[in-house]
Amino acid sequence: MELDHYLEANPAVVMREEQDNCAVLFDPETGAGFGLNPVGVFVWKHLDGYHRMDDILGAMHREFAQVPGDAEAHLKELVHALVDKGLVGKVMRQR
């Protein structure tokens, strides 16, 4: 997926946050589920159709004290998994 694409969560997907700052995503249309750790929850909240992966990575660096050097690879892996399950889509917008 290209960094120029804006990312948007599927509006049918429900996120249930747990007390440990983790969450479960559920798509009632397909029955697909997906678990998120606290960083995944942070990423999910930025999938509003107005952020690209590089925007989200920058927000992670501003929000968290220690972001590992391979954070971009992990972010891409998460987003690709969410796209593959139909939980997230790409939105084309003018910069």
PDB file of N, CA and C in Angstrom:
ATOM      1  N   MET A   1       0.854  -1.178   0.000  1.00  0.00           N
ATOM      2  CA  MET A   1       0.000   0.000   0.000  1.00  0.00           C
ATOM      3  C   MET A   1       0.891   1.229   0.000  1.00  0.00           C
ATOM      4  N   GLU A   2       0.543   2.206  -0.783  1.00  0.00           N
ATOM      5  CA  GLU A   2       1.333   3.413  -0.904  1.00  0.00           C
ATOM      6  C   GLU A   2       1.067   4.352   0.264  1.00  0.00           C
ATOM      7  N   LEU A   3       2.087   5.095   0.642  1.00  0.00           N
ATOM      8  CA  LEU A   3       1.944   6.030   1.750  1.00  0.00           C
ATOM      9  C   LEU A   3       1.050   7.208   1.391  1.00  0.00           C
ATOM     10  N   ASP A   4       0.793   7.443   0.096  1.00  0.00           N
ATOM     11  CA  ASP A   4      -0.032   8.576  -0.311  1.00  0.00           C
ATOM     12  C   ASP A   4      -1.517   8.320  -0.143  1.00  0.00           C
ATOM     13  N   HIS A   5      -1.917   7.092   0.103  1.00  0.00           N
ATOM     14  CA  HIS A   5      -3.337   6.792   0.284  1.00  0.00           C
ATOM     15  C   HIS A   5      -3.767   7.141   1.706  1.00  0.00           C
ATOM     16  N   TYR A   6      -4.895   7.791   1.788  1.00  0.00           N
ATOM     17  CA  TYR A   6      -5.502   8.025   3.096  1.00  0.00           C
ATOM     18  C   TYR A   6      -6.251   6.753   3.481  1.00  0.00           C
ATOM     19  N   LEU A   7      -6.312   6.487   4.758  1.00  0.00           N
ATOM     20  CA  LEU A   7      -6.879   5.230   5.240  1.00  0.00           C
ATOM     21  C   LEU A   7      -8.137   5.493   6.042  1.00  0.00           C
ATOM     22  N   GLU A   8      -9.148   4.667   5.813  1.00  0.00           N
ATOM     23  CA  GLU A   8     -10.418   4.862   6.496  1.00  0.00           C
ATOM     24  C   GLU A   8     -10.952   3.534   7.008  1.00  0.00           C
ATOM     25  N   ALA A   9     -11.307   3.521   8.281  1.00  0.00           N
ATOM     26  CA  ALA A   9     -11.912   2.329   8.883  1.00  0.00           C
ATOM     27  C   ALA A   9     -13.269   2.078   8.242  1.00  0.00           C
ATOM     28  N   ASN A  10     -13.577   0.831   8.044  1.00  0.00           N
ATOM     29  CA  ASN A  10     -14.892   0.428   7.549  1.00  0.00           C
ATOM     30  C   ASN A  10     -15.920   0.897   8.581  1.00  0.00           C
ATOM     31  N   PRO A  11     -16.896   1.710   8.190  1.00  0.00           N
ATOM     32  CA  PRO A  11     -17.851   2.250   9.164  1.00  0.00           C
ATOM     33  C   PRO A  11     -18.735   1.194   9.826  1.00  0.00           C
ATOM     34  N   ALA A  12     -18.819   0.005   9.242  1.00  0.00           N
ATOM     35  CA  ALA A  12     -19.629  -1.063   9.842  1.00  0.00           C
ATOM     36  C   ALA A  12     -18.908  -1.726  11.011  1.00  0.00           C
ATOM     37  N   VAL A  13     -17.594  -1.541  11.098  1.00  0.00           N
ATOM     38  CA  VAL A  13     -16.794  -2.216  12.114  1.00  0.00           C
ATOM     39  C   VAL A  13     -16.995  -1.556  13.478  1.00  0.00           C
ATOM     40  N   VAL A  14     -17.174  -2.402  14.469  1.00  0.00           N
ATOM     41  CA  VAL A  14     -17.361  -1.952  15.855  1.00  0.00           C
ATOM     42  C   VAL A  14     -16.071  -2.217  16.617  1.00  0.00           C
ATOM     43  N   MET A  15     -15.613  -1.210  17.371  1.00  0.00           N
ATOM     44  CA  MET A  15     -14.451  -1.400  18.224  1.00  0.00           C
ATOM     45  C   MET A  15     -14.920  -1.403  19.673  1.00  0.00           C
ATOM     46  N   ARG A  16     -14.563  -2.467  20.394  1.00  0.00           N
ATOM     47  CA  ARG A  16     -14.875  -2.536  21.819  1.00  0.00           C
ATOM     48  C   ARG A  16     -13.565  -2.455  22.591  1.00  0.00           C
ATOM     49  N   GLU A  17     -13.409  -1.354  23.314  1.00  0.00           N
ATOM     50  CA  GLU A  17     -12.193  -1.169  24.101  1.00  0.00           C
ATOM     51  C   GLU A  17     -12.320  -1.902  25.427  1.00  0.00           C
ATOM     52  N   GLU A  18     -11.224  -2.511  25.824  1.00  0.00           N
ATOM     53  CA  GLU A  18     -11.159  -3.256  27.075  1.00  0.00           C
ATOM     54  C   GLU A  18     -10.482  -2.390  28.140  1.00  0.00           C
ATOM     55  N   GLN A  19     -10.537  -2.822  29.386  1.00  0.00           N
ATOM     56  CA  GLN A  19      -9.947  -2.058  30.483  1.00  0.00           C
ATOM     57  C   GLN A  19      -8.426  -1.968  30.397  1.00  0.00           C
ATOM     58  N   ASP A  20      -7.791  -2.904  29.717  1.00  0.00           N
ATOM     59  CA  ASP A  20      -6.328  -2.900  29.618  1.00  0.00           C
ATOM     60  C   ASP A  20      -5.825  -2.090  28.423  1.00  0.00           C
ATOM     61  N   ASN A  21      -6.672  -1.216  27.873  1.00  0.00           N
ATOM     62  CA  ASN A  21      -6.363  -0.359  26.727  1.00  0.00           C
ATOM     63  C   ASN A  21      -6.198  -1.130  25.428  1.00  0.00           C
ATOM     64  N   CYS A  22      -6.551  -2.387  25.423  1.00  0.00           N
ATOM     65  CA  CYS A  22      -6.598  -3.173  24.194  1.00  0.00           C
ATOM     66  C   CYS A  22      -8.025  -3.074  23.650  1.00  0.00           C
ATOM     67  N   ALA A  23      -8.251  -3.627  22.478  1.00  0.00           N
ATOM     68  CA  ALA A  23      -9.590  -3.565  21.893  1.00  0.00           C
ATOM     69  C   ALA A  23      -9.811  -4.754  20.974  1.00  0.00           C
ATOM     70  N   VAL A  24     -11.071  -4.994  20.698  1.00  0.00           N
ATOM     71  CA  VAL A  24     -11.477  -6.012  19.744  1.00  0.00           C
ATOM     72  C   VAL A  24     -12.298  -5.312  18.669  1.00  0.00           C
ATOM     73  N   LEU A  25     -11.943  -5.583  17.406  1.00  0.00           N
ATOM     74  CA  LEU A  25     -12.712  -5.083  16.271  1.00  0.00           C
ATOM     75  C   LEU A  25     -13.621  -6.203  15.800  1.00  0.00           C
ATOM     76  N   PHE A  26     -14.833  -5.846  15.407  1.00  0.00           N
ATOM     77  CA  PHE A  26     -15.782  -6.834  14.909  1.00  0.00           C
ATOM     78  C   PHE A  26     -16.555  -6.240  13.753  1.00  0.00           C
ATOM     79  N   ASP A  27     -16.573  -6.961  12.649  1.00  0.00           N
ATOM     80  CA  ASP A  27     -17.358  -6.565  11.486  1.00  0.00           C
ATOM     81  C   ASP A  27     -18.618  -7.427  11.465  1.00  0.00           C
ATOM     82  N   PRO A  28     -19.775  -6.855  11.817  1.00  0.00           N
ATOM     83  CA  PRO A  28     -21.002  -7.644  11.870  1.00  0.00           C
ATOM     84  C   PRO A  28     -21.460  -8.148  10.505  1.00  0.00           C
ATOM     85  N   GLU A  29     -20.987  -7.514   9.437  1.00  0.00           N
ATOM     86  CA  GLU A  29     -21.396  -7.941   8.099  1.00  0.00           C
ATOM     87  C   GLU A  29     -20.682  -9.219   7.667  1.00  0.00           C
ATOM     88  N   THR A  30     -19.433  -9.399   8.105  1.00  0.00           N
ATOM     89  CA  THR A  30     -18.653 -10.564   7.673  1.00  0.00           C
ATOM     90  C   THR A  30     -18.338 -11.526   8.810  1.00  0.00           C
ATOM     91  N   GLY A  31     -18.486 -11.056  10.040  1.00  0.00           N
ATOM     92  CA  GLY A  31     -18.116 -11.861  11.198  1.00  0.00           C
ATOM     93  C   GLY A  31     -16.633 -11.817  11.506  1.00  0.00           C
ATOM     94  N   ALA A  32     -15.869 -11.027  10.753  1.00  0.00           N
ATOM     95  CA  ALA A  32     -14.425 -10.917  10.974  1.00  0.00           C
ATOM     96  C   ALA A  32     -14.146 -10.196  12.285  1.00  0.00           C
ATOM     97  N   GLY A  33     -13.172 -10.698  13.007  1.00  0.00           N
ATOM     98  CA  GLY A  33     -12.748 -10.082  14.245  1.00  0.00           C
ATOM     99  C   GLY A  33     -11.255  -9.858  14.216  1.00  0.00           C
ATOM    100  N   PHE A  34     -10.790  -8.937  15.058  1.00  0.00           N
ATOM    101  CA  PHE A  34      -9.366  -8.610  15.088  1.00  0.00           C
ATOM    102  C   PHE A  34      -9.044  -7.984  16.435  1.00  0.00           C
ATOM    103  N   GLY A  35      -7.981  -8.427  17.075  1.00  0.00           N
ATOM    104  CA  GLY A  35      -7.564  -7.875  18.358  1.00  0.00           C
ATOM    105  C   GLY A  35      -6.507  -6.809  18.173  1.00  0.00           C
ATOM    106  N   LEU A  36      -6.585  -5.756  18.984  1.00  0.00           N
ATOM    107  CA  LEU A  36      -5.616  -4.661  18.928  1.00  0.00           C
ATOM    108  C   LEU A  36      -4.979  -4.452  20.292  1.00  0.00           C
ATOM    109  N   ASN A  37      -3.671  -4.243  20.298  1.00  0.00           N
ATOM    110  CA  ASN A  37      -2.988  -3.822  21.512  1.00  0.00           C
ATOM    111  C   ASN A  37      -3.143  -2.303  21.639  1.00  0.00           C
ATOM    112  N   PRO A  38      -2.635  -1.673  22.708  1.00  0.00           N
ATOM    113  CA  PRO A  38      -2.826  -0.228  22.865  1.00  0.00           C
ATOM    114  C   PRO A  38      -2.312   0.605  21.688  1.00  0.00           C
ATOM    115  N   VAL A  39      -1.198   0.220  21.094  1.00  0.00           N
ATOM    116  CA  VAL A  39      -0.700   0.971  19.934  1.00  0.00           C
ATOM    117  C   VAL A  39      -1.636   0.769  18.746  1.00  0.00           C
ATOM    118  N   GLY A  40      -2.154  -0.445  18.574  1.00  0.00           N
ATOM    119  CA  GLY A  40      -3.123  -0.710  17.518  1.00  0.00           C
ATOM    120  C   GLY A  40      -4.387   0.115  17.688  1.00  0.00           C
ATOM    121  N   VAL A  41      -4.816   0.307  18.923  1.00  0.00           N
ATOM    122  CA  VAL A  41      -5.980   1.163  19.209  1.00  0.00           C
ATOM    123  C   VAL A  41      -5.677   2.598  18.783  1.00  0.00           C
ATOM    124  N   PHE A  42      -4.474   3.073  19.105  1.00  0.00           N
ATOM    125  CA  PHE A  42      -4.047   4.411  18.699  1.00  0.00           C
ATOM    126  C   PHE A  42      -4.115   4.545  17.183  1.00  0.00           C
ATOM    127  N   VAL A  43      -3.591   3.547  16.481  1.00  0.00           N
ATOM    128  CA  VAL A  43      -3.606   3.559  15.014  1.00  0.00           C
ATOM    129  C   VAL A  43      -5.050   3.562  14.516  1.00  0.00           C
ATOM    130  N   TRP A  44      -5.889   2.681  15.064  1.00  0.00           N
ATOM    131  CA  TRP A  44      -7.290   2.580  14.630  1.00  0.00           C
ATOM    132  C   TRP A  44      -7.991   3.934  14.722  1.00  0.00           C
ATOM    133  N   LYS A  45      -7.720   4.661  15.776  1.00  0.00           N
ATOM    134  CA  LYS A  45      -8.377   5.955  15.979  1.00  0.00           C
ATOM    135  C   LYS A  45      -7.922   6.999  14.959  1.00  0.00           C
ATOM    136  N   HIS A  46      -6.851   6.720  14.240  1.00  0.00           N
ATOM    137  CA  HIS A  46      -6.375   7.633  13.197  1.00  0.00           C
ATOM    138  C   HIS A  46      -6.822   7.201  11.792  1.00  0.00           C
ATOM    139  N   LEU A  47      -7.576   6.138  11.711  1.00  0.00           N
ATOM    140  CA  LEU A  47      -8.048   5.643  10.407  1.00  0.00           C
ATOM    141  C   LEU A  47      -9.392   6.277  10.082  1.00  0.00           C
ATOM    142  N   ASP A  48      -9.364   7.593   9.929  1.00  0.00           N
ATOM    143  CA  ASP A  48     -10.578   8.378   9.743  1.00  0.00           C
ATOM    144  C   ASP A  48     -10.756   8.889   8.318  1.00  0.00           C
ATOM    145  N   GLY A  49      -9.878   8.465   7.408  1.00  0.00           N
ATOM    146  CA  GLY A  49      -9.955   8.925   6.027  1.00  0.00           C
ATOM    147  C   GLY A  49      -9.166  10.187   5.764  1.00  0.00           C
ATOM    148  N   TYR A  50      -8.519  10.727   6.787  1.00  0.00           N
ATOM    149  CA  TYR A  50      -7.757  11.970   6.644  1.00  0.00           C
ATOM    150  C   TYR A  50      -6.298  11.808   7.038  1.00  0.00           C
ATOM    151  N   HIS A  51      -5.864  10.565   7.283  1.00  0.00           N
ATOM    152  CA  HIS A  51      -4.478  10.291   7.641  1.00  0.00           C
ATOM    153  C   HIS A  51      -3.913   9.217   6.721  1.00  0.00           C
ATOM    154  N   ARG A  52      -2.665   9.434   6.321  1.00  0.00           N
ATOM    155  CA  ARG A  52      -1.909   8.424   5.579  1.00  0.00           C
ATOM    156  C   ARG A  52      -1.034   7.680   6.591  1.00  0.00           C
ATOM    157  N   MET A  53      -0.391   6.610   6.151  1.00  0.00           N
ATOM    158  CA  MET A  53       0.471   5.869   7.077  1.00  0.00           C
ATOM    159  C   MET A  53       1.591   6.746   7.613  1.00  0.00           C
ATOM    160  N   ASP A  54       2.158   7.602   6.776  1.00  0.00           N
ATOM    161  CA  ASP A  54       3.240   8.460   7.281  1.00  0.00           C
ATOM    162  C   ASP A  54       2.716   9.468   8.302  1.00  0.00           C
ATOM    163  N   ASP A  55       1.465   9.916   8.170  1.00  0.00           N
ATOM    164  CA  ASP A  55       0.859  10.795   9.175  1.00  0.00           C
ATOM    165  C   ASP A  55       0.725  10.063  10.504  1.00  0.00           C
ATOM    166  N   ILE A  56       0.274   8.818  10.435  1.00  0.00           N
ATOM    167  CA  ILE A  56       0.068   8.024  11.652  1.00  0.00           C
ATOM    168  C   ILE A  56       1.406   7.733  12.322  1.00  0.00           C
ATOM    169  N   LEU A  57       2.418   7.423  11.529  1.00  0.00           N
ATOM    170  CA  LEU A  57       3.746   7.180  12.084  1.00  0.00           C
ATOM    171  C   LEU A  57       4.264   8.426  12.799  1.00  0.00           C
ATOM    172  N   GLY A  58       4.065   9.583  12.206  1.00  0.00           N
ATOM    173  CA  GLY A  58       4.470  10.841  12.848  1.00  0.00           C
ATOM    174  C   GLY A  58       3.715  11.060  14.155  1.00  0.00           C
ATOM    175  N   ALA A  59       2.422  10.761  14.160  1.00  0.00           N
ATOM    176  CA  ALA A  59       1.623  10.903  15.384  1.00  0.00           C
ATOM    177  C   ALA A  59       2.108   9.947  16.466  1.00  0.00           C
ATOM    178  N   MET A  60       2.533   8.756  16.059  1.00  0.00           N
ATOM    179  CA  MET A  60       3.069   7.797  17.031  1.00  0.00           C
ATOM    180  C   MET A  60       4.334   8.350  17.686  1.00  0.00           C
ATOM    181  N   HIS A  61       5.187   8.966  16.883  1.00  0.00           N
ATOM    182  CA  HIS A  61       6.428   9.541  17.428  1.00  0.00           C
ATOM    183  C   HIS A  61       6.131  10.700  18.385  1.00  0.00           C
ATOM    184  N   ARG A  62       5.060  11.426  18.127  1.00  0.00           N
ATOM    185  CA  ARG A  62       4.687  12.530  19.026  1.00  0.00           C
ATOM    186  C   ARG A  62       4.015  12.013  20.298  1.00  0.00           C
ATOM    187  N   GLU A  63       3.284  10.918  20.213  1.00  0.00           N
ATOM    188  CA  GLU A  63       2.481  10.417  21.331  1.00  0.00           C
ATOM    189  C   GLU A  63       3.272   9.531  22.289  1.00  0.00           C
ATOM    190  N   PHE A  64       4.151   8.708  21.749  1.00  0.00           N
ATOM    191  CA  PHE A  64       4.824   7.703  22.571  1.00  0.00           C
ATOM    192  C   PHE A  64       6.284   8.081  22.797  1.00  0.00           C
ATOM    193  N   ALA A  65       6.763   7.839  24.016  1.00  0.00           N
ATOM    194  CA  ALA A  65       8.124   8.215  24.394  1.00  0.00           C
ATOM    195  C   ALA A  65       9.171   7.435  23.608  1.00  0.00           C
ATOM    196  N   GLN A  66       8.964   6.157  23.437  1.00  0.00           N
ATOM    197  CA  GLN A  66       9.948   5.331  22.743  1.00  0.00           C
ATOM    198  C   GLN A  66       9.258   4.562  21.615  1.00  0.00           C
ATOM    199  N   VAL A  67       9.593   4.943  20.394  1.00  0.00           N
ATOM    200  CA  VAL A  67       9.058   4.265  19.221  1.00  0.00           C
ATOM    201  C   VAL A  67      10.218   3.490  18.595  1.00  0.00           C
ATOM    202  N   PRO A  68      10.085   2.178  18.458  1.00  0.00           N
ATOM    203  CA  PRO A  68      11.196   1.394  17.912  1.00  0.00           C
ATOM    204  C   PRO A  68      11.507   1.766  16.466  1.00  0.00           C
ATOM    205  N   GLY A  69      12.714   1.501  16.069  1.00  0.00           N
ATOM    206  CA  GLY A  69      13.148   1.815  14.709  1.00  0.00           C
ATOM    207  C   GLY A  69      12.375   1.091  13.628  1.00  0.00           C
ATOM    208  N   ASP A  70      11.802  -0.054  13.972  1.00  0.00           N
ATOM    209  CA  ASP A  70      11.040  -0.818  12.978  1.00  0.00           C
ATOM    210  C   ASP A  70       9.531  -0.556  13.069  1.00  0.00           C
ATOM    211  N   ALA A  71       9.164   0.561  13.691  1.00  0.00           N
ATOM    212  CA  ALA A  71       7.740   0.880  13.866  1.00  0.00           C
ATOM    213  C   ALA A  71       7.015   1.011  12.531  1.00  0.00           C
ATOM    214  N   GLU A  72       7.673   1.563  11.527  1.00  0.00           N
ATOM    215  CA  GLU A  72       7.021   1.722  10.222  1.00  0.00           C
ATOM    216  C   GLU A  72       6.667   0.362   9.630  1.00  0.00           C
ATOM    217  N   ALA A  73       7.563  -0.598   9.761  1.00  0.00           N
ATOM    218  CA  ALA A  73       7.290  -1.949   9.244  1.00  0.00           C
ATOM    219  C   ALA A  73       6.112  -2.579   9.981  1.00  0.00           C
ATOM    220  N   HIS A  74       6.058  -2.394  11.298  1.00  0.00           N
ATOM    221  CA  HIS A  74       4.945  -2.939  12.086  1.00  0.00           C
ATOM    222  C   HIS A  74       3.627  -2.242  11.726  1.00  0.00           C
ATOM    223  N   LEU A  75       3.684  -0.936  11.510  1.00  0.00           N
ATOM    224  CA  LEU A  75       2.491  -0.188  11.116  1.00  0.00           C
ATOM    225  C   LEU A  75       1.978  -0.701   9.775  1.00  0.00           C
ATOM    226  N   LYS A  76       2.874  -0.865   8.819  1.00  0.00           N
ATOM    227  CA  LYS A  76       2.467  -1.380   7.503  1.00  0.00           C
ATOM    228  C   LYS A  76       1.852  -2.769   7.633  1.00  0.00           C
ATOM    229  N   GLU A  77       2.456  -3.613   8.449  1.00  0.00           N
ATOM    230  CA  GLU A  77       1.942  -4.974   8.652  1.00  0.00           C
ATOM    231  C   GLU A  77       0.529  -4.940   9.230  1.00  0.00           C
ATOM    232  N   LEU A  78       0.316  -4.082  10.226  1.00  0.00           N
ATOM    233  CA  LEU A  78      -1.010  -3.953  10.837  1.00  0.00           C
ATOM    234  C   LEU A  78      -2.031  -3.464   9.818  1.00  0.00           C
ATOM    235  N   VAL A  79      -1.696  -2.402   9.112  1.00  0.00           N
ATOM    236  CA  VAL A  79      -2.640  -1.827   8.149  1.00  0.00           C
ATOM    237  C   VAL A  79      -2.947  -2.826   7.036  1.00  0.00           C
ATOM    238  N   HIS A  80      -1.937  -3.527   6.544  1.00  0.00           N
ATOM    239  CA  HIS A  80      -2.182  -4.532   5.501  1.00  0.00           C
ATOM    240  C   HIS A  80      -3.119  -5.621   6.015  1.00  0.00           C
ATOM    241  N   ALA A  81      -2.932  -6.058   7.250  1.00  0.00           N
ATOM    242  CA  ALA A  81      -3.807  -7.083   7.828  1.00  0.00           C
ATOM    243  C   ALA A  81      -5.240  -6.570   7.929  1.00  0.00           C
ATOM    244  N   LEU A  82      -5.409  -5.320   8.346  1.00  0.00           N
ATOM    245  CA  LEU A  82      -6.742  -4.734   8.469  1.00  0.00           C
ATOM    246  C   LEU A  82      -7.405  -4.586   7.096  1.00  0.00           C
ATOM    247  N   VAL A  83      -6.623  -4.193   6.095  1.00  0.00           N
ATOM    248  CA  VAL A  83      -7.150  -4.065   4.733  1.00  0.00           C
ATOM    249  C   VAL A  83      -7.549  -5.449   4.208  1.00  0.00           C
ATOM    250  N   ASP A  84      -6.684  -6.435   4.415  1.00  0.00           N
ATOM    251  CA  ASP A  84      -6.971  -7.798   3.932  1.00  0.00           C
ATOM    252  C   ASP A  84      -8.257  -8.353   4.519  1.00  0.00           C
ATOM    253  N   LYS A  85      -8.582  -7.985   5.756  1.00  0.00           N
ATOM    254  CA  LYS A  85      -9.805  -8.460   6.405  1.00  0.00           C
ATOM    255  C   LYS A  85     -11.017  -7.583   6.072  1.00  0.00           C
ATOM    256  N   GLY A  86     -10.804  -6.523   5.292  1.00  0.00           N
ATOM    257  CA  GLY A  86     -11.901  -5.638   4.927  1.00  0.00           C
ATOM    258  C   GLY A  86     -12.292  -4.670   6.028  1.00  0.00           C
ATOM    259  N   LEU A  87     -11.430  -4.503   7.027  1.00  0.00           N
ATOM    260  CA  LEU A  87     -11.740  -3.620   8.137  1.00  0.00           C
ATOM    261  C   LEU A  87     -11.318  -2.176   7.857  1.00  0.00           C
ATOM    262  N   VAL A  88     -10.451  -1.990   6.876  1.00  0.00           N
ATOM    263  CA  VAL A  88      -9.924  -0.665   6.506  1.00  0.00           C
ATOM    264  C   VAL A  88      -9.857  -0.597   4.987  1.00  0.00           C
ATOM    265  N   GLY A  89     -10.096   0.598   4.457  1.00  0.00           N
ATOM    266  CA  GLY A  89      -9.970   0.824   3.024  1.00  0.00           C
ATOM    267  C   GLY A  89      -9.118   2.042   2.734  1.00  0.00           C
ATOM    268  N   LYS A  90      -8.765   2.189   1.458  1.00  0.00           N
ATOM    269  CA  LYS A  90      -7.992   3.341   1.005  1.00  0.00           C
ATOM    270  C   LYS A  90      -8.937   4.399   0.457  1.00  0.00           C
ATOM    271  N   VAL A  91      -8.598   5.641   0.692  1.00  0.00           N
ATOM    272  CA  VAL A  91      -9.376   6.765   0.184  1.00  0.00           C
ATOM    273  C   VAL A  91      -8.419   7.663  -0.596  1.00  0.00           C
ATOM    274  N   MET A  92      -8.800   8.025  -1.804  1.00  0.00           N
ATOM    275  CA  MET A  92      -7.967   8.931  -2.593  1.00  0.00           C
ATOM    276  C   MET A  92      -8.400  10.365  -2.310  1.00  0.00           C
ATOM    277  N   ARG A  93      -7.469  11.180  -1.903  1.00  0.00           N
ATOM    278  CA  ARG A  93      -7.732  12.607  -1.640  1.00  0.00           C
ATOM    279  C   ARG A  93      -6.610  13.418  -2.249  1.00  0.00           C
ATOM    280  N   GLN A  94      -6.917  14.646  -2.589  1.00  0.00           N
ATOM    281  CA  GLN A  94      -5.890  15.575  -3.044  1.00  0.00           C
ATOM    282  C   GLN A  94      -5.097  16.052  -1.837  1.00  0.00           C
ATOM    283  N   ARG A  95      -3.816  16.162  -2.007  1.00  0.00           N
ATOM    284  CA  ARG A  95      -2.976  16.690  -0.907  1.00  0.00           C
ATOM    285  C   ARG A  95      -3.164  18.175  -0.799  1.00  0.00           C
TER     286      ARG A  95
END
